[in-house]
Amino acid sequence: MGGPIGSVWGGDRLDLDAYLARIGYAGERAATPEVLRALHAAHIGSLAFEDLEVVLGRPVRLDLESVQAKMVRRRRGGTCCEQTLLYAAALEALGFTFTATASRVRLGEERVRLGEGRIRPATHVSLRVELGGEEWFTDVGFGAECLLEPVRLRDGVVVRQAGWTYGLVREAGPTPGTAGPLVLRRLRGDGWFDLYAIGTEPRFPVDFAVTSHFTSTHPRSPFHQRLLVGRAAAGQRLLLHNTELTRTLPDFTEERRQVPAGELPALLEREFDIVLGAEDSAALIACYE
C-alpha cells in the first residue's frame, strides 16, 4: 500500500481530476483553510458511508487503486478506512500537511475509566491538518453523524454547521492532574451526545489494514453482518440500518420506515448516490428477503 518516499498516502497515484469531479469540486487547488473546508463538505456530500462489502462477504480492499475504482469510478461509498484513505491521498496531492489518528467511538456511552467496564478499541480514523500554526480536525468517514466541515482542534470549541451543533471538550485523565482526550460531541434535543474520543498517536496506511480487518470480520464489530449506510447533509441525516431507514432533521425530529428488500438497490441510489450493478443488487436483496 505504500508509495515512494514523499508519498505516504498515494497522492502521486491518485487521479485527482477524477476524484474532484466525483465530489463536484471545481475550486482552487491549494493548501488553505478555505480549500480544506470546501473539500470536506464536497466529499461527505457525495460519498456516503457504507459497508456493503462486509454484508456481501467480500474483503474490503484498501490499496488506493481499489479504493479509487470503487468510490470514484463505480459510484460507491466506503467504510471509514476507505473514505479516509481516498481523502488523505487528495489532501497530499494538494500539498496539505496532516497526521492520521484513531479514535475510540462512544456514540453516547458514558466515559469508561480504566478498570471500569468495557473500553472500545480505537477503530475510527480521521485526520489532523496543520495550517498556519493551527491544527484542524477533519473527518469524512463517520456516516450520518459526520462533521459537515473541519473544526479547530482545541478544547472548548463549539461550532454551528448548517443547523447542527458540534463541540470539543477536554476530559480529565485517569489520574488526578492529568489530561485526557478531546471528545467530539454533537448537540441533540436532550443535550450533548459524545461521538468519539480523538486519539493522538499517528497512524499510517498499514495501520488502516489492521483496523479494517477488525471492523469487517470480528463478531463484536458493529459492522459484522449488519448493513450500515449513512450520509450527513445540511438539511437532514440519513441512516440505513439493515432495512430500517431513519431520516433526522436539524430540529431533532425523526422519520423511520422499513424498506422492503427488493427496494434496497433503488433506495441506495436515490438517497445515498450508491449505484449497484445487477449482481450486487441481487446479492443484497437475497440477504434481506
Foldseek 3Di string as FASTA:
>chain_A
DADPPLQQLQLVPDPLVLVCVQLVHDDDLAADQVVQFVVLLSLLQRAWEWDLCLLLVHADDQDLVVLCCQVRVQQHHYAQSSSASNVVSNCSNSPWDKFKFFWFFDFFNDDAAPPRDDGGDRQHMWMWTDDPNWTWTGGNHPFLVHDSGIDTPDAFDWDDDLLWIKHWHWDAHNDPPHTDFIWIWTAAPVGIGTGTGIDDDGDGSVVNVVSSCCQSDPPPHPNRNWIWIWGYDNAWIWIQILQKIWIAGSNGDIDIDGHQLLCVQVCCCVPPVHHDDPVSSVSSSVSRD
